[in-house]
PDB file of N, CA and C in Angstrom:
ATOM      1  N   MET A   1      18.287  38.924   6.904  1.00  0.00           N
ATOM      2  CA  MET A   1      19.085  40.079   7.448  1.00  0.00           C
ATOM      3  C   MET A   1      20.911  39.437   7.814  1.00  0.00           C
ATOM      4  N   THR A   2      21.668  39.824   6.846  1.00  0.00           N
ATOM      5  CA  THR A   2      22.836  39.512   7.410  1.00  0.00           C
ATOM      6  C   THR A   2      23.719  40.713   8.618  1.00  0.00           C
ATOM      7  N   HIS A   3      24.270  40.014   9.223  1.00  0.00           N
ATOM      8  CA  HIS A   3      24.827  40.607  10.494  1.00  0.00           C
ATOM      9  C   HIS A   3      26.408  40.383   9.822  1.00  0.00           C
ATOM     10  N   GLU A   4      26.863  42.062   9.502  1.00  0.00           N
ATOM     11  CA  GLU A   4      28.310  42.088   9.021  1.00  0.00           C
ATOM     12  C   GLU A   4      28.977  42.398  10.496  1.00  0.00           C
ATOM     13  N   ARG A   5      30.109  41.638  10.561  1.00  0.00           N
ATOM     14  CA  ARG A   5      31.089  42.206  11.616  1.00  0.00           C
ATOM     15  C   ARG A   5      32.006  43.053  11.379  1.00  0.00           C
ATOM     16  N   ARG A   6      32.261  44.002  12.524  1.00  0.00           N
ATOM     17  CA  ARG A   6      33.281  45.157  12.290  1.00  0.00           C
ATOM     18  C   ARG A   6      34.434  44.790  12.779  1.00  0.00           C
ATOM     19  N   SER A   7      35.463  45.250  12.782  1.00  0.00           N
ATOM     20  CA  SER A   7      36.608  45.058  13.005  1.00  0.00           C
ATOM     21  C   SER A   7      36.863  45.200  14.814  1.00  0.00           C
ATOM     22  N   GLY A   8      36.002  45.814  15.364  1.00  0.00           N
ATOM     23  CA  GLY A   8      35.858  46.105  16.767  1.00  0.00           C
ATOM     24  C   GLY A   8      35.217  44.936  17.404  1.00  0.00           C
ATOM     25  N   ASP A   9      34.033  44.367  16.809  1.00  0.00           N
ATOM     26  CA  ASP A   9      33.404  43.255  17.437  1.00  0.00           C
ATOM     27  C   ASP A   9      34.156  42.056  17.688  1.00  0.00           C
ATOM     28  N   ILE A  10      33.931  41.399  18.645  1.00  0.00           N
ATOM     29  CA  ILE A  10      34.298  39.875  18.844  1.00  0.00           C
ATOM     30  C   ILE A  10      33.122  39.159  19.165  1.00  0.00           C
ATOM     31  N   SER A  11      33.064  37.702  18.294  1.00  0.00           N
ATOM     32  CA  SER A  11      32.411  36.711  18.305  1.00  0.00           C
ATOM     33  C   SER A  11      31.947  35.869  19.732  1.00  0.00           C
ATOM     34  N   HIS A  12      31.083  35.559  19.681  1.00  0.00           N
ATOM     35  CA  HIS A  12      31.215  34.550  21.302  1.00  0.00           C
ATOM     36  C   HIS A  12      31.839  33.035  21.275  1.00  0.00           C
ATOM     37  N   ALA A  13      32.306  32.946  20.092  1.00  0.00           N
ATOM     38  CA  ALA A  13      33.386  31.568  19.951  1.00  0.00           C
ATOM     39  C   ALA A  13      34.972  32.589  20.023  1.00  0.00           C
ATOM     40  N   ASP A  14      35.022  33.620  19.751  1.00  0.00           N
ATOM     41  CA  ASP A  14      36.485  34.013  20.156  1.00  0.00           C
ATOM     42  C   ASP A  14      36.376  34.386  21.612  1.00  0.00           C
ATOM     43  N   SER A  15      35.086  35.033  22.455  1.00  0.00           N
ATOM     44  CA  SER A  15      35.636  35.136  23.703  1.00  0.00           C
ATOM     45  C   SER A  15      35.830  34.163  24.371  1.00  0.00           C
ATOM     46  N   GLU A  16      34.938  32.841  23.962  1.00  0.00           N
ATOM     47  CA  GLU A  16      35.124  31.591  24.688  1.00  0.00           C
ATOM     48  C   GLU A  16      36.631  31.061  24.326  1.00  0.00           C
ATOM     49  N   LEU A  17      36.930  31.019  23.272  1.00  0.00           N
ATOM     50  CA  LEU A  17      38.230  30.654  23.110  1.00  0.00           C
ATOM     51  C   LEU A  17      39.183  31.396  23.785  1.00  0.00           C
ATOM     52  N   ALA A  18      39.177  32.904  23.963  1.00  0.00           N
ATOM     53  CA  ALA A  18      39.839  33.875  24.907  1.00  0.00           C
ATOM     54  C   ALA A  18      39.970  33.182  26.416  1.00  0.00           C
ATOM     55  N   LYS A  19      38.644  33.128  26.799  1.00  0.00           N
ATOM     56  CA  LYS A  19      38.700  32.395  28.214  1.00  0.00           C
ATOM     57  C   LYS A  19      39.283  31.007  28.345  1.00  0.00           C
ATOM     58  N   LEU A  20      39.341  30.135  27.388  1.00  0.00           N
ATOM     59  CA  LEU A  20      40.075  29.318  27.582  1.00  0.00           C
ATOM     60  C   LEU A  20      41.697  29.206  27.530  1.00  0.00           C
ATOM     61  N   VAL A  21      41.928  30.347  26.715  1.00  0.00           N
ATOM     62  CA  VAL A  21      43.371  30.384  26.784  1.00  0.00           C
ATOM     63  C   VAL A  21      43.885  31.306  27.677  1.00  0.00           C
ATOM     64  N   ILE A  22      43.157  31.889  28.510  1.00  0.00           N
ATOM     65  CA  ILE A  22      43.267  32.556  29.489  1.00  0.00           C
ATOM     66  C   ILE A  22      43.525  31.920  30.765  1.00  0.00           C
ATOM     67  N   GLN A  23      42.570  30.953  30.949  1.00  0.00           N
ATOM     68  CA  GLN A  23      42.604  29.968  31.877  1.00  0.00           C
ATOM     69  C   GLN A  23      43.891  29.061  31.682  1.00  0.00           C
ATOM     70  N   HIS A  24      44.356  28.750  30.552  1.00  0.00           N
ATOM     71  CA  HIS A  24      45.451  28.005  30.261  1.00  0.00           C
ATOM     72  C   HIS A  24      46.604  28.481  30.927  1.00  0.00           C
ATOM     73  N   LEU A  25      47.098  29.786  30.433  1.00  0.00           N
ATOM     74  CA  LEU A  25      47.846  30.648  30.800  1.00  0.00           C
ATOM     75  C   LEU A  25      48.118  30.765  32.399  1.00  0.00           C
ATOM     76  N   GLN A  26      46.709  31.040  33.033  1.00  0.00           N
ATOM     77  CA  GLN A  26      47.025  31.371  34.653  1.00  0.00           C
ATOM     78  C   GLN A  26      47.039  29.866  35.033  1.00  0.00           C
ATOM     79  N   GLY A  27      46.886  28.859  34.606  1.00  0.00           N
ATOM     80  CA  GLY A  27      47.123  27.332  35.118  1.00  0.00           C
ATOM     81  C   GLY A  27      48.712  26.983  35.152  1.00  0.00           C
ATOM     82  N   ASN A  28      49.360  27.897  34.197  1.00  0.00           N
ATOM     83  CA  ASN A  28      51.098  27.689  33.708  1.00  0.00           C
ATOM     84  C   ASN A  28      51.584  29.228  33.973  1.00  0.00           C
ATOM     85  N   PRO A  29      51.699  29.739  35.155  1.00  0.00           N
ATOM     86  CA  PRO A  29      52.090  31.274  35.384  1.00  0.00           C
ATOM     87  C   PRO A  29      53.416  31.650  35.004  1.00  0.00           C
ATOM     88  N   LEU A  30      54.292  30.366  34.985  1.00  0.00           N
ATOM     89  CA  LEU A  30      55.634  30.996  34.751  1.00  0.00           C
ATOM     90  C   LEU A  30      56.059  30.492  33.400  1.00  0.00           C
ATOM     91  N   GLN A  31      55.425  30.222  32.629  1.00  0.00           N
ATOM     92  CA  GLN A  31      55.609  29.574  31.193  1.00  0.00           C
ATOM     93  C   GLN A  31      54.952  30.649  30.132  1.00  0.00           C
ATOM     94  N   ARG A  32      56.043  30.685  29.104  1.00  0.00           N
ATOM     95  CA  ARG A  32      55.348  31.494  27.930  1.00  0.00           C
ATOM     96  C   ARG A  32      55.093  30.589  26.871  1.00  0.00           C
ATOM     97  N   PHE A  33      53.624  30.890  26.173  1.00  0.00           N
ATOM     98  CA  PHE A  33      53.410  30.057  25.035  1.00  0.00           C
ATOM     99  C   PHE A  33      53.260  30.755  23.798  1.00  0.00           C
ATOM    100  N   SER A  34      53.765  30.169  22.679  1.00  0.00           N
ATOM    101  CA  SER A  34      54.222  30.985  21.654  1.00  0.00           C
ATOM    102  C   SER A  34      52.442  30.618  20.831  1.00  0.00           C
ATOM    103  N   GLU A  35      52.297  31.578  19.968  1.00  0.00           N
ATOM    104  CA  GLU A  35      51.039  31.818  19.148  1.00  0.00           C
ATOM    105  C   GLU A  35      50.476  30.547  18.260  1.00  0.00           C
ATOM    106  N   PRO A  36      51.638  30.173  17.640  1.00  0.00           N
ATOM    107  CA  PRO A  36      51.266  28.556  16.779  1.00  0.00           C
ATOM    108  C   PRO A  36      51.032  27.484  17.938  1.00  0.00           C
ATOM    109  N   MET A  37      51.847  27.359  18.847  1.00  0.00           N
ATOM    110  CA  MET A  37      51.592  26.644  19.895  1.00  0.00           C
ATOM    111  C   MET A  37      50.223  26.406  20.539  1.00  0.00           C
ATOM    112  N   LEU A  38      49.657  27.817  20.782  1.00  0.00           N
ATOM    113  CA  LEU A  38      48.430  27.696  21.365  1.00  0.00           C
ATOM    114  C   LEU A  38      47.391  27.288  20.395  1.00  0.00           C
ATOM    115  N   ALA A  39      47.688  27.975  19.417  1.00  0.00           N
ATOM    116  CA  ALA A  39      46.769  27.534  18.112  1.00  0.00           C
ATOM    117  C   ALA A  39      46.506  25.988  17.815  1.00  0.00           C
ATOM    118  N   ARG A  40      47.526  25.292  17.793  1.00  0.00           N
ATOM    119  CA  ARG A  40      47.767  24.190  17.875  1.00  0.00           C
ATOM    120  C   ARG A  40      46.771  23.472  19.003  1.00  0.00           C
ATOM    121  N   ARG A  41      46.981  23.712  20.318  1.00  0.00           N
ATOM    122  CA  ARG A  41      46.472  23.531  21.265  1.00  0.00           C
ATOM    123  C   ARG A  41      44.778  23.279  21.239  1.00  0.00           C
ATOM    124  N   PHE A  42      44.511  24.513  20.767  1.00  0.00           N
ATOM    125  CA  PHE A  42      42.918  24.755  20.810  1.00  0.00           C
ATOM    126  C   PHE A  42      42.521  24.387  19.595  1.00  0.00           C
ATOM    127  N   GLY A  43      42.952  24.151  18.332  1.00  0.00           N
ATOM    128  CA  GLY A  43      42.404  23.753  17.181  1.00  0.00           C
ATOM    129  C   GLY A  43      42.306  24.963  16.272  1.00  0.00           C
ATOM    130  N   VAL A  44      42.673  26.046  16.285  1.00  0.00           N
ATOM    131  CA  VAL A  44      42.295  27.188  15.555  1.00  0.00           C
ATOM    132  C   VAL A  44      43.754  27.538  14.660  1.00  0.00           C
ATOM    133  N   SER A  45      43.183  28.715  13.912  1.00  0.00           N
ATOM    134  CA  SER A  45      44.359  29.278  13.374  1.00  0.00           C
ATOM    135  C   SER A  45      45.317  30.199  14.113  1.00  0.00           C
ATOM    136  N   ALA A  46      46.305  30.560  13.897  1.00  0.00           N
ATOM    137  CA  ALA A  46      47.153  31.541  14.585  1.00  0.00           C
ATOM    138  C   ALA A  46      46.554  33.097  14.585  1.00  0.00           C
ATOM    139  N   ARG A  47      45.916  33.550  13.235  1.00  0.00           N
ATOM    140  CA  ARG A  47      45.202  34.491  13.181  1.00  0.00           C
ATOM    141  C   ARG A  47      43.803  34.653  13.904  1.00  0.00           C
ATOM    142  N   THR A  48      43.163  33.569  14.144  1.00  0.00           N
ATOM    143  CA  THR A  48      41.770  33.234  15.091  1.00  0.00           C
ATOM    144  C   THR A  48      42.285  33.502  16.322  1.00  0.00           C
ATOM    145  N   LEU A  49      43.688  32.783  16.670  1.00  0.00           N
ATOM    146  CA  LEU A  49      43.985  32.955  18.192  1.00  0.00           C
ATOM    147  C   LEU A  49      43.953  34.506  18.531  1.00  0.00           C
ATOM    148  N   TYR A  50      44.908  35.206  17.411  1.00  0.00           N
ATOM    149  CA  TYR A  50      44.971  36.435  17.921  1.00  0.00           C
ATOM    150  C   TYR A  50      44.052  37.631  17.813  1.00  0.00           C
ATOM    151  N   ARG A  51      42.983  37.461  17.027  1.00  0.00           N
ATOM    152  CA  ARG A  51      41.855  37.752  16.758  1.00  0.00           C
ATOM    153  C   ARG A  51      40.931  37.953  18.439  1.00  0.00           C
ATOM    154  N   ALA A  52      40.986  36.710  18.754  1.00  0.00           N
ATOM    155  CA  ALA A  52      40.275  36.361  20.154  1.00  0.00           C
ATOM    156  C   ALA A  52      41.022  37.035  21.178  1.00  0.00           C
ATOM    157  N   MET A  53      42.356  36.995  21.288  1.00  0.00           N
ATOM    158  CA  MET A  53      43.001  37.263  22.457  1.00  0.00           C
ATOM    159  C   MET A  53      43.612  38.789  22.459  1.00  0.00           C
ATOM    160  N   LYS A  54      42.930  39.644  21.348  1.00  0.00           N
ATOM    161  CA  LYS A  54      43.506  40.798  21.307  1.00  0.00           C
ATOM    162  C   LYS A  54      42.644  41.739  22.438  1.00  0.00           C
ATOM    163  N   PRO A  55      41.284  41.738  22.874  1.00  0.00           N
ATOM    164  CA  PRO A  55      40.816  42.361  23.839  1.00  0.00           C
ATOM    165  C   PRO A  55      41.489  41.886  25.276  1.00  0.00           C
ATOM    166  N   ALA A  56      41.799  40.895  25.438  1.00  0.00           N
ATOM    167  CA  ALA A  56      42.380  40.344  26.419  1.00  0.00           C
ATOM    168  C   ALA A  56      43.984  41.139  26.963  1.00  0.00           C
ATOM    169  N   LEU A  57      44.350  41.306  25.516  1.00  0.00           N
ATOM    170  CA  LEU A  57      45.927  41.940  25.844  1.00  0.00           C
ATOM    171  C   LEU A  57      45.365  43.517  26.003  1.00  0.00           C
ATOM    172  N   VAL A  58      44.531  44.175  25.196  1.00  0.00           N
ATOM    173  CA  VAL A  58      44.196  45.768  25.390  1.00  0.00           C
ATOM    174  C   VAL A  58      44.113  45.543  27.001  1.00  0.00           C
ATOM    175  N   ALA A  59      42.965  44.736  27.489  1.00  0.00           N
ATOM    176  CA  ALA A  59      42.822  45.001  28.796  1.00  0.00           C
ATOM    177  C   ALA A  59      43.777  44.695  29.949  1.00  0.00           C
ATOM    178  N   GLY A  60      44.859  44.116  29.601  1.00  0.00           N
ATOM    179  CA  GLY A  60      46.146  43.646  30.333  1.00  0.00           C
ATOM    180  C   GLY A  60      45.675  42.270  31.146  1.00  0.00           C
ATOM    181  N   GLN A  61      44.904  41.577  30.804  1.00  0.00           N
ATOM    182  CA  GLN A  61      44.719  40.322  31.391  1.00  0.00           C
ATOM    183  C   GLN A  61      45.736  39.341  31.151  1.00  0.00           C
ATOM    184  N   VAL A  62      46.585  39.252  29.831  1.00  0.00           N
ATOM    185  CA  VAL A  62      47.687  38.630  29.431  1.00  0.00           C
ATOM    186  C   VAL A  62      48.439  39.579  28.978  1.00  0.00           C
ATOM    187  N   ALA A  63      49.818  39.180  28.540  1.00  0.00           N
ATOM    188  CA  ALA A  63      50.670  39.817  27.896  1.00  0.00           C
ATOM    189  C   ALA A  63      51.199  39.421  26.836  1.00  0.00           C
ATOM    190  N   SER A  64      52.098  39.940  26.049  1.00  0.00           N
ATOM    191  CA  SER A  64      52.330  39.531  24.827  1.00  0.00           C
ATOM    192  C   SER A  64      53.959  40.121  24.445  1.00  0.00           C
ATOM    193  N   ASP A  65      54.888  39.349  23.889  1.00  0.00           N
ATOM    194  CA  ASP A  65      55.984  39.588  23.524  1.00  0.00           C
ATOM    195  C   ASP A  65      56.228  38.840  22.082  1.00  0.00           C
ATOM    196  N   PHE A  66      57.317  39.226  21.627  1.00  0.00           N
ATOM    197  CA  PHE A  66      58.005  38.788  20.528  1.00  0.00           C
ATOM    198  C   PHE A  66      59.351  37.888  20.792  1.00  0.00           C
ATOM    199  N   VAL A  67      59.307  37.153  20.427  1.00  0.00           N
ATOM    200  CA  VAL A  67      60.621  36.003  20.188  1.00  0.00           C
ATOM    201  C   VAL A  67      61.397  36.067  18.721  1.00  0.00           C
ATOM    202  N   GLU A  68      62.476  36.437  19.006  1.00  0.00           N
ATOM    203  CA  GLU A  68      63.463  36.707  17.332  1.00  0.00           C
ATOM    204  C   GLU A  68      62.326  37.733  16.784  1.00  0.00           C
ATOM    205  N   THR A  69      61.889  38.798  17.143  1.00  0.00           N
ATOM    206  CA  THR A  69      60.820  39.608  16.435  1.00  0.00           C
ATOM    207  C   THR A  69      59.991  38.894  15.431  1.00  0.00           C
ATOM    208  N   SER A  70      59.774  37.484  15.525  1.00  0.00           N
ATOM    209  CA  SER A  70      58.918  37.008  14.374  1.00  0.00           C
ATOM    210  C   SER A  70      57.743  36.303  15.010  1.00  0.00           C
ATOM    211  N   ILE A  71      57.682  35.546  15.928  1.00  0.00           N
ATOM    212  CA  ILE A  71      56.944  34.663  16.944  1.00  0.00           C
ATOM    213  C   ILE A  71      56.062  35.422  18.305  1.00  0.00           C
ATOM    214  N   ARG A  72      55.124  35.511  17.955  1.00  0.00           N
ATOM    215  CA  ARG A  72      54.131  36.252  19.352  1.00  0.00           C
ATOM    216  C   ARG A  72      54.180  35.013  20.363  1.00  0.00           C
ATOM    217  N   VAL A  73      54.500  35.554  21.477  1.00  0.00           N
ATOM    218  CA  VAL A  73      54.339  34.318  22.843  1.00  0.00           C
ATOM    219  C   VAL A  73      53.340  35.313  23.793  1.00  0.00           C
ATOM    220  N   TYR A  74      52.462  34.453  24.459  1.00  0.00           N
ATOM    221  CA  TYR A  74      51.716  34.887  25.499  1.00  0.00           C
ATOM    222  C   TYR A  74      51.942  34.259  26.907  1.00  0.00           C
ATOM    223  N   TYR A  75      51.476  35.495  27.656  1.00  0.00           N
ATOM    224  CA  TYR A  75      51.850  34.824  29.236  1.00  0.00           C
ATOM    225  C   TYR A  75      50.934  35.951  29.976  1.00  0.00           C
ATOM    226  N   VAL A  76      51.072  35.080  31.412  1.00  0.00           N
ATOM    227  CA  VAL A  76      50.400  35.937  32.320  1.00  0.00           C
ATOM    228  C   VAL A  76      51.022  37.103  33.131  1.00  0.00           C
ATOM    229  N   PRO A  77      50.864  38.485  33.190  1.00  0.00           N
ATOM    230  CA  PRO A  77      51.667  39.220  33.529  1.00  0.00           C
ATOM    231  C   PRO A  77      51.517  39.267  35.191  1.00  0.00           C
ATOM    232  N   ARG A  78      52.769  39.214  35.623  1.00  0.00           N
ATOM    233  CA  ARG A  78      52.899  39.410  37.122  1.00  0.00           C
ATOM    234  C   ARG A  78      52.077  40.390  37.667  1.00  0.00           C
ATOM    235  N   SER A  79      51.082  39.993  38.724  1.00  0.00           N
ATOM    236  CA  SER A  79      50.350  41.266  39.220  1.00  0.00           C
ATOM    237  C   SER A  79      51.138  41.569  40.478  1.00  0.00           C
ATOM    238  N   PRO A  80      50.957  42.853  40.985  1.00  0.00           N
ATOM    239  CA  PRO A  80      51.718  43.514  42.042  1.00  0.00           C
ATOM    240  C   PRO A  80      50.986  42.981  43.249  1.00  0.00           C
ATOM    241  N   GLN A  81      51.953  42.129  43.983  1.00  0.00           N
ATOM    242  CA  GLN A  81      51.402  41.582  45.187  1.00  0.00           C
ATOM    243  C   GLN A  81      52.319  42.089  46.276  1.00  0.00           C
ATOM    244  N   PRO A  82      51.622  42.236  47.564  1.00  0.00           N
ATOM    245  CA  PRO A  82      52.436  42.936  48.549  1.00  0.00           C
ATOM    246  C   PRO A  82      53.327  41.877  48.836  1.00  0.00           C
ATOM    247  N   MET A  83      55.020  42.587  49.612  1.00  0.00           N
ATOM    248  CA  MET A  83      55.867  41.808  49.925  1.00  0.00           C
ATOM    249  C   MET A  83      55.361  40.855  50.913  1.00  0.00           C
ATOM    250  N   PRO A  84      55.984  39.832  50.780  1.00  0.00           N
ATOM    251  CA  PRO A  84      55.640  38.668  52.146  1.00  0.00           C
ATOM    252  C   PRO A  84      56.581  39.218  53.114  1.00  0.00           C
ATOM    253  N   GLU A  85      56.164  39.190  54.263  1.00  0.00           N
ATOM    254  CA  GLU A  85      56.625  39.728  55.416  1.00  0.00           C
ATOM    255  C   GLU A  85      57.705  38.607  55.659  1.00  0.00           C
ATOM    256  N   ARG A  86      59.003  39.120  55.876  1.00  0.00           N
ATOM    257  CA  ARG A  86      60.290  38.497  56.116  1.00  0.00           C
ATOM    258  C   ARG A  86      60.249  38.177  57.713  1.00  0.00           C
ATOM    259  N   ILE A  87      60.708  36.801  57.889  1.00  0.00           N
ATOM    260  CA  ILE A  87      61.026  36.394  59.171  1.00  0.00           C
ATOM    261  C   ILE A  87      62.515  36.195  59.591  1.00  0.00           C
ATOM    262  N   VAL A  88      63.424  36.244  58.499  1.00  0.00           N
ATOM    263  CA  VAL A  88      64.844  36.151  58.555  1.00  0.00           C
ATOM    264  C   VAL A  88      65.151  37.780  58.348  1.00  0.00           C
ATOM    265  N   GLY A  89      66.228  38.172  59.115  1.00  0.00           N
ATOM    266  CA  GLY A  89      66.737  39.559  58.858  1.00  0.00           C
ATOM    267  C   GLY A  89      66.206  40.561  59.951  1.00  0.00           C
ATOM    268  N   ARG A  90      65.268  40.081  61.000  1.00  0.00           N
ATOM    269  CA  ARG A  90      65.170  41.160  61.780  1.00  0.00           C
ATOM    270  C   ARG A  90      65.959  40.940  63.123  1.00  0.00           C
ATOM    271  N   GLY A  91      66.373  41.976  63.370  1.00  0.00           N
ATOM    272  CA  GLY A  91      67.443  42.336  64.498  1.00  0.00           C
ATOM    273  C   GLY A  91      68.734  42.694  63.682  1.00  0.00           C
ATOM    274  N   GLU A  92      69.854  42.420  64.468  1.00  0.00           N
ATOM    275  CA  GLU A  92      71.023  42.654  64.524  1.00  0.00           C
ATOM    276  C   GLU A  92      71.893  41.336  63.796  1.00  0.00           C
ATOM    277  N   LEU A  93      72.556  41.011  62.822  1.00  0.00           N
ATOM    278  CA  LEU A  93      73.401  40.316  62.472  1.00  0.00           C
ATOM    279  C   LEU A  93      74.985  40.422  63.245  1.00  0.00           C
ATOM    280  N   LYS A  94      75.124  39.021  64.030  1.00  0.00           N
ATOM    281  CA  LYS A  94      76.556  39.115  64.750  1.00  0.00           C
ATOM    282  C   LYS A  94      77.345  37.889  64.032  1.00  0.00           C
ATOM    283  N   GLY A  95      78.511  38.082  63.802  1.00  0.00           N
ATOM    284  CA  GLY A  95      79.168  36.726  63.582  1.00  0.00           C
ATOM    285  C   GLY A  95      79.514  36.342  62.151  1.00  0.00           C
ATOM    286  N   TYR A  96      78.537  36.894  61.182  1.00  0.00           N
ATOM    287  CA  TYR A  96      78.553  36.407  59.901  1.00  0.00           C
ATOM    288  C   TYR A  96      79.772  36.741  59.167  1.00  0.00           C
ATOM    289  N   GLU A  97      80.570  37.760  59.719  1.00  0.00           N
ATOM    290  CA  GLU A  97      81.677  38.139  59.083  1.00  0.00           C
ATOM    291  C   GLU A  97      83.040  36.852  59.451  1.00  0.00           C
ATOM    292  N   THR A  98      82.683  36.507  60.194  1.00  0.00           N
ATOM    293  CA  THR A  98      83.769  35.338  60.728  1.00  0.00           C
ATOM    294  C   THR A  98      83.480  34.202  59.720  1.00  0.00           C
ATOM    295  N   GLU A  99      82.199  33.924  59.357  1.00  0.00           N
ATOM    296  CA  GLU A  99      82.226  32.954  58.491  1.00  0.00           C
ATOM    297  C   GLU A  99      82.638  33.410  56.602  1.00  0.00           C
ATOM    298  N   ILE A 100      82.508  34.444  56.641  1.00  0.00           N
ATOM    299  CA  ILE A 100      82.792  34.903  55.357  1.00  0.00           C
ATOM    300  C   ILE A 100      84.530  34.875  55.258  1.00  0.00           C
ATOM    301  N   ARG A 101      85.265  35.421  56.416  1.00  0.00           N
ATOM    302  CA  ARG A 101      86.462  35.071  56.453  1.00  0.00           C
ATOM    303  C   ARG A 101      86.829  33.678  56.430  1.00  0.00           C
ATOM    304  N   ARG A 102      86.637  32.830  57.050  1.00  0.00           N
ATOM    305  CA  ARG A 102      86.799  31.366  57.260  1.00  0.00           C
ATOM    306  C   ARG A 102      86.726  30.762  55.949  1.00  0.00           C
ATOM    307  N   LEU A 103      86.117  30.919  55.007  1.00  0.00           N
ATOM    308  CA  LEU A 103      85.829  29.982  53.501  1.00  0.00           C
ATOM    309  C   LEU A 103      86.878  30.264  52.744  1.00  0.00           C
ATOM    310  N   PRO A 104      87.130  31.559  52.462  1.00  0.00           N
ATOM    311  CA  PRO A 104      88.550  31.509  51.864  1.00  0.00           C
ATOM    312  C   PRO A 104      89.693  31.169  52.559  1.00  0.00           C
ATOM    313  N   GLU A 105      90.039  31.171  53.536  1.00  0.00           N
ATOM    314  CA  GLU A 105      91.142  30.461  54.539  1.00  0.00           C
ATOM    315  C   GLU A 105      91.007  29.124  54.301  1.00  0.00           C
ATOM    316  N   LEU A 106      89.871  28.536  54.284  1.00  0.00           N
ATOM    317  CA  LEU A 106      89.824  27.063  53.987  1.00  0.00           C
ATOM    318  C   LEU A 106      90.225  26.693  52.274  1.00  0.00           C
ATOM    319  N   ARG A 107      89.907  27.485  51.493  1.00  0.00           N
ATOM    320  CA  ARG A 107      90.257  27.422  50.148  1.00  0.00           C
ATOM    321  C   ARG A 107      91.636  27.230  50.074  1.00  0.00           C
ATOM    322  N   MET A 108      92.541  28.409  50.863  1.00  0.00           N
ATOM    323  CA  MET A 108      93.699  28.744  50.769  1.00  0.00           C
ATOM    324  C   MET A 108      94.596  27.407  51.613  1.00  0.00           C
ATOM    325  N   ALA A 109      94.214  26.896  52.542  1.00  0.00           N
ATOM    326  CA  ALA A 109      94.816  25.963  53.321  1.00  0.00           C
ATOM    327  C   ALA A 109      95.585  24.815  52.624  1.00  0.00           C
ATOM    328  N   PRO A 110      94.928  24.049  51.620  1.00  0.00           N
ATOM    329  CA  PRO A 110      95.622  23.127  51.081  1.00  0.00           C
ATOM    330  C   PRO A 110      97.103  23.735  50.093  1.00  0.00           C
ATOM    331  N   ARG A 111      96.727  24.798  49.998  1.00  0.00           N
ATOM    332  CA  ARG A 111      98.213  25.449  49.206  1.00  0.00           C
ATOM    333  C   ARG A 111      99.233  25.564  50.190  1.00  0.00           C
ATOM    334  N   GLY A 112      99.282  25.319  51.592  1.00  0.00           N
ATOM    335  CA  GLY A 112     100.052  25.607  52.587  1.00  0.00           C
ATOM    336  C   GLY A 112     100.886  26.916  52.714  1.00  0.00           C
ATOM    337  N   ALA A 113     100.259  28.002  52.137  1.00  0.00           N
ATOM    338  CA  ALA A 113     100.949  29.224  52.312  1.00  0.00           C
ATOM    339  C   ALA A 113     100.562  30.007  53.512  1.00  0.00           C
ATOM    340  N   GLY A 114      99.828  29.300  54.454  1.00  0.00           N
ATOM    341  CA  GLY A 114      99.419  30.079  55.773  1.00  0.00           C
ATOM    342  C   GLY A 114      98.805  31.161  55.407  1.00  0.00           C
ATOM    343  N   TRP A 115      98.234  31.363  54.552  1.00  0.00           N
ATOM    344  CA  TRP A 115      97.488  32.690  54.254  1.00  0.00           C
ATOM    345  C   TRP A 115      96.517  33.057  55.227  1.00  0.00           C
ATOM    346  N   ARG A 116      96.024  33.992  55.421  1.00  0.00           N
ATOM    347  CA  ARG A 116      95.097  34.722  56.605  1.00  0.00           C
ATOM    348  C   ARG A 116      94.471  35.955  55.823  1.00  0.00           C
ATOM    349  N   LEU A 117      93.359  36.429  56.251  1.00  0.00           N
ATOM    350  CA  LEU A 117      92.799  37.303  56.063  1.00  0.00           C
ATOM    351  C   LEU A 117      93.015  38.548  57.164  1.00  0.00           C
TER     352      LEU A 117
END
């Protein structure tokens, strides 16, 4: 009995490869990795890598883009996170405009123009 793979099926090896690649991408969240780079890293062809990563792309676990319209790159999309509570900026700011005016005056002072805002 031969088992014929359909285009929608994903083999166990492909799913394991996808897990390894996703772990690698999550371990390097601010970096983008090209398809050939990842294929070399995991010892597979770029086509095999694409086939393994396709379900993860559809599910939104990873994102993909093209560089110079020819090389596919993979990265982990930013997940919506709640904004961190800000400890700076509470209350009313006073005196900051004095510092803003002081810096241009310091820059102009060596010119001896007596320049003031």
